[in-house]
Amino acid sequence: MSQIDQFLVSLKKALKAKNIFYKDIAKALRLSESSVKRILSSKSLSLERLEEICRIADLSLVDIV
């Protein structure tokens, strides 16, 4: 498993632990739930988008790593 895959798995686990669902992120980002799913399965997630997701979930990048 690549480091990117491992990071995304950790991010998804952190979101689940905080009971934050794709629909919650979608609402905060003003996107559809399917867009959020696509973003979180993409290996080309931008750092800016990642920061936004972490802000919504009250996480830091360090928490995920």
PDB file of N, CA and C in Angstrom:
ATOM      1  N   MET A   1       0.847  -1.174   0.000  1.00  0.00           N
ATOM      2  CA  MET A   1       0.000   0.000   0.000  1.00  0.00           C
ATOM      3  C   MET A   1       0.896   1.242   0.000  1.00  0.00           C
ATOM      4  N   SER A   2       0.578   2.196  -0.866  1.00  0.00           N
ATOM      5  CA  SER A   2       1.386   3.412  -0.964  1.00  0.00           C
ATOM      6  C   SER A   2       1.152   4.308   0.255  1.00  0.00           C
ATOM      7  N   GLN A   3       2.029   5.263   0.429  1.00  0.00           N
ATOM      8  CA  GLN A   3       1.887   6.194   1.550  1.00  0.00           C
ATOM      9  C   GLN A   3       0.633   7.045   1.406  1.00  0.00           C
ATOM     10  N   ILE A   4       0.289   7.387   0.174  1.00  0.00           N
ATOM     11  CA  ILE A   4      -0.932   8.158  -0.065  1.00  0.00           C
ATOM     12  C   ILE A   4      -2.145   7.341   0.358  1.00  0.00           C
ATOM     13  N   ASP A   5      -2.171   6.068  -0.030  1.00  0.00           N
ATOM     14  CA  ASP A   5      -3.281   5.192   0.366  1.00  0.00           C
ATOM     15  C   ASP A   5      -3.377   5.089   1.885  1.00  0.00           C
ATOM     16  N   GLN A   6      -2.246   4.933   2.536  1.00  0.00           N
ATOM     17  CA  GLN A   6      -2.217   4.838   3.994  1.00  0.00           C
ATOM     18  C   GLN A   6      -2.723   6.124   4.635  1.00  0.00           C
ATOM     19  N   PHE A   7      -2.332   7.256   4.073  1.00  0.00           N
ATOM     20  CA  PHE A   7      -2.777   8.539   4.599  1.00  0.00           C
ATOM     21  C   PHE A   7      -4.290   8.677   4.466  1.00  0.00           C
ATOM     22  N   LEU A   8      -4.834   8.325   3.304  1.00  0.00           N
ATOM     23  CA  LEU A   8      -6.277   8.426   3.093  1.00  0.00           C
ATOM     24  C   LEU A   8      -7.049   7.490   4.014  1.00  0.00           C
ATOM     25  N   VAL A   9      -6.518   6.308   4.248  1.00  0.00           N
ATOM     26  CA  VAL A   9      -7.153   5.382   5.193  1.00  0.00           C
ATOM     27  C   VAL A   9      -7.157   5.992   6.590  1.00  0.00           C
ATOM     28  N   SER A  10      -6.046   6.593   6.985  1.00  0.00           N
ATOM     29  CA  SER A  10      -5.963   7.239   8.304  1.00  0.00           C
ATOM     30  C   SER A  10      -6.930   8.414   8.409  1.00  0.00           C
ATOM     31  N   LEU A  11      -7.050   9.186   7.342  1.00  0.00           N
ATOM     32  CA  LEU A  11      -7.984  10.312   7.331  1.00  0.00           C
ATOM     33  C   LEU A  11      -9.415   9.825   7.497  1.00  0.00           C
ATOM     34  N   LYS A  12      -9.776   8.794   6.758  1.00  0.00           N
ATOM     35  CA  LYS A  12     -11.135   8.247   6.846  1.00  0.00           C
ATOM     36  C   LYS A  12     -11.414   7.679   8.239  1.00  0.00           C
ATOM     37  N   LYS A  13     -10.425   7.035   8.848  1.00  0.00           N
ATOM     38  CA  LYS A  13     -10.588   6.507  10.205  1.00  0.00           C
ATOM     39  C   LYS A  13     -10.771   7.642  11.209  1.00  0.00           C
ATOM     40  N   ALA A  14     -10.006   8.717  11.043  1.00  0.00           N
ATOM     41  CA  ALA A  14     -10.110   9.863  11.944  1.00  0.00           C
ATOM     42  C   ALA A  14     -11.487  10.515  11.820  1.00  0.00           C
ATOM     43  N   LEU A  15     -11.986  10.619  10.600  1.00  0.00           N
ATOM     44  CA  LEU A  15     -13.326  11.181  10.397  1.00  0.00           C
ATOM     45  C   LEU A  15     -14.379  10.292  11.047  1.00  0.00           C
ATOM     46  N   LYS A  16     -14.234   8.989  10.866  1.00  0.00           N
ATOM     47  CA  LYS A  16     -15.194   8.042  11.446  1.00  0.00           C
ATOM     48  C   LYS A  16     -15.169   8.119  12.974  1.00  0.00           C
ATOM     49  N   ALA A  17     -13.978   8.234  13.541  1.00  0.00           N
ATOM     50  CA  ALA A  17     -13.839   8.310  15.001  1.00  0.00           C
ATOM     51  C   ALA A  17     -14.529   9.548  15.567  1.00  0.00           C
ATOM     52  N   LYS A  18     -14.609  10.605  14.765  1.00  0.00           N
ATOM     53  CA  LYS A  18     -15.266  11.833  15.197  1.00  0.00           C
ATOM     54  C   LYS A  18     -16.719  11.896  14.740  1.00  0.00           C
ATOM     55  N   ASN A  19     -17.212  10.785  14.187  1.00  0.00           N
ATOM     56  CA  ASN A  19     -18.591  10.729  13.683  1.00  0.00           C
ATOM     57  C   ASN A  19     -18.883  11.815  12.657  1.00  0.00           C
ATOM     58  N   ILE A  20     -17.913  12.052  11.791  1.00  0.00           N
ATOM     59  CA  ILE A  20     -18.084  13.013  10.704  1.00  0.00           C
ATOM     60  C   ILE A  20     -18.269  12.217   9.424  1.00  0.00           C
ATOM     61  N   PHE A  21     -19.384  12.471   8.776  1.00  0.00           N
ATOM     62  CA  PHE A  21     -19.759  11.716   7.583  1.00  0.00           C
ATOM     63  C   PHE A  21     -19.525  12.552   6.329  1.00  0.00           C
ATOM     64  N   TYR A  22     -19.486  11.873   5.199  1.00  0.00           N
ATOM     65  CA  TYR A  22     -19.287  12.562   3.922  1.00  0.00           C
ATOM     66  C   TYR A  22     -20.324  13.659   3.723  1.00  0.00           C
ATOM     67  N   LYS A  23     -21.540  13.406   4.153  1.00  0.00           N
ATOM     68  CA  LYS A  23     -22.597  14.415   3.985  1.00  0.00           C
ATOM     69  C   LYS A  23     -22.285  15.666   4.791  1.00  0.00           C
ATOM     70  N   ASP A  24     -21.644  15.519   5.964  1.00  0.00           N
ATOM     71  CA  ASP A  24     -21.267  16.669   6.788  1.00  0.00           C
ATOM     72  C   ASP A  24     -20.189  17.503   6.091  1.00  0.00           C
ATOM     73  N   ILE A  25     -19.216  16.810   5.539  1.00  0.00           N
ATOM     74  CA  ILE A  25     -18.137  17.498   4.816  1.00  0.00           C
ATOM     75  C   ILE A  25     -18.707  18.175   3.574  1.00  0.00           C
ATOM     76  N   ALA A  26     -19.571  17.469   2.880  1.00  0.00           N
ATOM     77  CA  ALA A  26     -20.182  18.008   1.661  1.00  0.00           C
ATOM     78  C   ALA A  26     -20.939  19.296   1.963  1.00  0.00           C
ATOM     79  N   LYS A  27     -21.698  19.301   3.032  1.00  0.00           N
ATOM     80  CA  LYS A  27     -22.474  20.484   3.401  1.00  0.00           C
ATOM     81  C   LYS A  27     -21.543  21.657   3.706  1.00  0.00           C
ATOM     82  N   ALA A  28     -20.498  21.402   4.468  1.00  0.00           N
ATOM     83  CA  ALA A  28     -19.561  22.462   4.847  1.00  0.00           C
ATOM     84  C   ALA A  28     -18.791  23.009   3.643  1.00  0.00           C
ATOM     85  N   LEU A  29     -18.500  22.132   2.680  1.00  0.00           N
ATOM     86  CA  LEU A  29     -17.746  22.556   1.496  1.00  0.00           C
ATOM     87  C   LEU A  29     -18.646  22.996   0.352  1.00  0.00           C
ATOM     88  N   ARG A  30     -19.964  22.872   0.574  1.00  0.00           N
ATOM     89  CA  ARG A  30     -20.947  23.196  -0.464  1.00  0.00           C
ATOM     90  C   ARG A  30     -20.717  22.369  -1.729  1.00  0.00           C
ATOM     91  N   LEU A  31     -20.549  21.072  -1.495  1.00  0.00           N
ATOM     92  CA  LEU A  31     -20.377  20.095  -2.568  1.00  0.00           C
ATOM     93  C   LEU A  31     -21.404  18.993  -2.390  1.00  0.00           C
ATOM     94  N   SER A  32     -21.521  18.145  -3.394  1.00  0.00           N
ATOM     95  CA  SER A  32     -22.384  16.973  -3.247  1.00  0.00           C
ATOM     96  C   SER A  32     -21.627  15.899  -2.470  1.00  0.00           C
ATOM     97  N   GLU A  33     -22.386  15.002  -1.880  1.00  0.00           N
ATOM     98  CA  GLU A  33     -21.766  13.900  -1.147  1.00  0.00           C
ATOM     99  C   GLU A  33     -20.916  13.044  -2.080  1.00  0.00           C
ATOM    100  N   SER A  34     -21.376  12.842  -3.307  1.00  0.00           N
ATOM    101  CA  SER A  34     -20.602  12.036  -4.265  1.00  0.00           C
ATOM    102  C   SER A  34     -19.284  12.728  -4.616  1.00  0.00           C
ATOM    103  N   SER A  35     -19.271  14.069  -4.635  1.00  0.00           N
ATOM    104  CA  SER A  35     -18.017  14.789  -4.898  1.00  0.00           C
ATOM    105  C   SER A  35     -17.024  14.570  -3.769  1.00  0.00           C
ATOM    106  N   VAL A  36     -17.514  14.560  -2.548  1.00  0.00           N
ATOM    107  CA  VAL A  36     -16.632  14.320  -1.399  1.00  0.00           C
ATOM    108  C   VAL A  36     -16.076  12.900  -1.459  1.00  0.00           C
ATOM    109  N   LYS A  37     -16.914  11.934  -1.794  1.00  0.00           N
ATOM    110  CA  LYS A  37     -16.440  10.551  -1.935  1.00  0.00           C
ATOM    111  C   LYS A  37     -15.348  10.465  -2.987  1.00  0.00           C
ATOM    112  N   ARG A  38     -15.558  11.168  -4.090  1.00  0.00           N
ATOM    113  CA  ARG A  38     -14.583  11.166  -5.176  1.00  0.00           C
ATOM    114  C   ARG A  38     -13.274  11.812  -4.717  1.00  0.00           C
ATOM    115  N   ILE A  39     -13.383  12.918  -3.999  1.00  0.00           N
ATOM    116  CA  ILE A  39     -12.196  13.613  -3.498  1.00  0.00           C
ATOM    117  C   ILE A  39     -11.393  12.709  -2.571  1.00  0.00           C
ATOM    118  N   LEU A  40     -12.094  12.021  -1.669  1.00  0.00           N
ATOM    119  CA  LEU A  40     -11.393  11.191  -0.681  1.00  0.00           C
ATOM    120  C   LEU A  40     -10.898   9.866  -1.255  1.00  0.00           C
ATOM    121  N   SER A  41     -11.317   9.518  -2.443  1.00  0.00           N
ATOM    122  CA  SER A  41     -10.786   8.312  -3.066  1.00  0.00           C
ATOM    123  C   SER A  41      -9.727   8.655  -4.103  1.00  0.00           C
ATOM    124  N   SER A  42      -9.575   9.938  -4.361  1.00  0.00           N
ATOM    125  CA  SER A  42      -8.610  10.406  -5.349  1.00  0.00           C
ATOM    126  C   SER A  42      -7.219  10.457  -4.729  1.00  0.00           C
ATOM    127  N   LYS A  43      -6.259  10.083  -5.503  1.00  0.00           N
ATOM    128  CA  LYS A  43      -4.880  10.161  -5.026  1.00  0.00           C
ATOM    129  C   LYS A  43      -4.265  11.512  -5.365  1.00  0.00           C
ATOM    130  N   SER A  44      -5.078  12.415  -5.861  1.00  0.00           N
ATOM    131  CA  SER A  44      -4.579  13.745  -6.202  1.00  0.00           C
ATOM    132  C   SER A  44      -5.283  14.819  -5.375  1.00  0.00           C
ATOM    133  N   LEU A  45      -5.583  14.493  -4.146  1.00  0.00           N
ATOM    134  CA  LEU A  45      -6.219  15.410  -3.205  1.00  0.00           C
ATOM    135  C   LEU A  45      -5.269  16.587  -2.959  1.00  0.00           C
ATOM    136  N   SER A  46      -5.755  17.799  -3.161  1.00  0.00           N
ATOM    137  CA  SER A  46      -4.900  18.974  -2.968  1.00  0.00           C
ATOM    138  C   SER A  46      -4.711  19.243  -1.480  1.00  0.00           C
ATOM    139  N   LEU A  47      -3.607  19.865  -1.161  1.00  0.00           N
ATOM    140  CA  LEU A  47      -3.348  20.216   0.238  1.00  0.00           C
ATOM    141  C   LEU A  47      -4.368  21.234   0.736  1.00  0.00           C
ATOM    142  N   GLU A  48      -4.794  22.111  -0.142  1.00  0.00           N
ATOM    143  CA  GLU A  48      -5.796  23.101   0.246  1.00  0.00           C
ATOM    144  C   GLU A  48      -7.103  22.417   0.632  1.00  0.00           C
ATOM    145  N   ARG A  49      -7.528  21.456  -0.174  1.00  0.00           N
ATOM    146  CA  ARG A  49      -8.769  20.731   0.115  1.00  0.00           C
ATOM    147  C   ARG A  49      -8.589  19.906   1.385  1.00  0.00           C
ATOM    148  N   LEU A  50      -7.431  19.312   1.550  1.00  0.00           N
ATOM    149  CA  LEU A  50      -7.146  18.529   2.750  1.00  0.00           C
ATOM    150  C   LEU A  50      -7.220  19.404   4.000  1.00  0.00           C
ATOM    151  N   GLU A  51      -6.668  20.611   3.912  1.00  0.00           N
ATOM    152  CA  GLU A  51      -6.750  21.549   5.035  1.00  0.00           C
ATOM    153  C   GLU A  51      -8.197  21.892   5.367  1.00  0.00           C
ATOM    154  N   GLU A  52      -9.010  22.082   4.335  1.00  0.00           N
ATOM    155  CA  GLU A  52     -10.421  22.399   4.561  1.00  0.00           C
ATOM    156  C   GLU A  52     -11.128  21.256   5.282  1.00  0.00           C
ATOM    157  N   ILE A  53     -10.868  20.036   4.848  1.00  0.00           N
ATOM    158  CA  ILE A  53     -11.486  18.865   5.479  1.00  0.00           C
ATOM    159  C   ILE A  53     -11.027  18.742   6.927  1.00  0.00           C
ATOM    160  N   CYS A  54      -9.747  18.955   7.166  1.00  0.00           N
ATOM    161  CA  CYS A  54      -9.223  18.885   8.533  1.00  0.00           C
ATOM    162  C   CYS A  54      -9.837  19.975   9.407  1.00  0.00           C
ATOM    163  N   ARG A  55     -10.018  21.158   8.863  1.00  0.00           N
ATOM    164  CA  ARG A  55     -10.627  22.257   9.621  1.00  0.00           C
ATOM    165  C   ARG A  55     -12.057  21.892  10.008  1.00  0.00           C
ATOM    166  N   ILE A  56     -12.806  21.338   9.066  1.00  0.00           N
ATOM    167  CA  ILE A  56     -14.190  20.934   9.325  1.00  0.00           C
ATOM    168  C   ILE A  56     -14.243  19.888  10.438  1.00  0.00           C
ATOM    169  N   ALA A  57     -13.299  18.962  10.406  1.00  0.00           N
ATOM    170  CA  ALA A  57     -13.280  17.862  11.372  1.00  0.00           C
ATOM    171  C   ALA A  57     -12.529  18.193  12.644  1.00  0.00           C
ATOM    172  N   ASP A  58     -12.002  19.411  12.725  1.00  0.00           N
ATOM    173  CA  ASP A  58     -11.198  19.820  13.868  1.00  0.00           C
ATOM    174  C   ASP A  58     -10.028  18.854  14.078  1.00  0.00           C
ATOM    175  N   LEU A  59      -9.336  18.584  12.987  1.00  0.00           N
ATOM    176  CA  LEU A  59      -8.148  17.725  12.987  1.00  0.00           C
ATOM    177  C   LEU A  59      -6.969  18.515  12.459  1.00  0.00           C
ATOM    178  N   SER A  60      -5.780  18.092  12.807  1.00  0.00           N
ATOM    179  CA  SER A  60      -4.583  18.645  12.174  1.00  0.00           C
ATOM    180  C   SER A  60      -3.982  17.554  11.299  1.00  0.00           C
ATOM    181  N   LEU A  61      -3.131  17.960  10.397  1.00  0.00           N
ATOM    182  CA  LEU A  61      -2.471  16.961   9.551  1.00  0.00           C
ATOM    183  C   LEU A  61      -1.654  15.996  10.418  1.00  0.00           C
ATOM    184  N   VAL A  62      -1.103  16.509  11.500  1.00  0.00           N
ATOM    185  CA  VAL A  62      -0.325  15.672  12.416  1.00  0.00           C
ATOM    186  C   VAL A  62      -1.202  14.584  13.030  1.00  0.00           C
ATOM    187  N   ASP A  63      -2.438  14.908  13.326  1.00  0.00           N
ATOM    188  CA  ASP A  63      -3.370  13.917  13.879  1.00  0.00           C
ATOM    189  C   ASP A  63      -3.522  12.747  12.932  1.00  0.00           C
ATOM    190  N   ILE A  64      -3.545  13.038  11.660  1.00  0.00           N
ATOM    191  CA  ILE A  64      -3.790  11.997  10.659  1.00  0.00           C
ATOM    192  C   ILE A  64      -2.539  11.173  10.406  1.00  0.00           C
ATOM    193  N   VAL A  65      -1.418  11.851  10.364  1.00  0.00           N
ATOM    194  CA  VAL A  65      -0.151  11.153  10.112  1.00  0.00           C
ATOM    195  C   VAL A  65       0.202  10.347  11.336  1.00  0.00           C
TER     196      VAL A  65
END
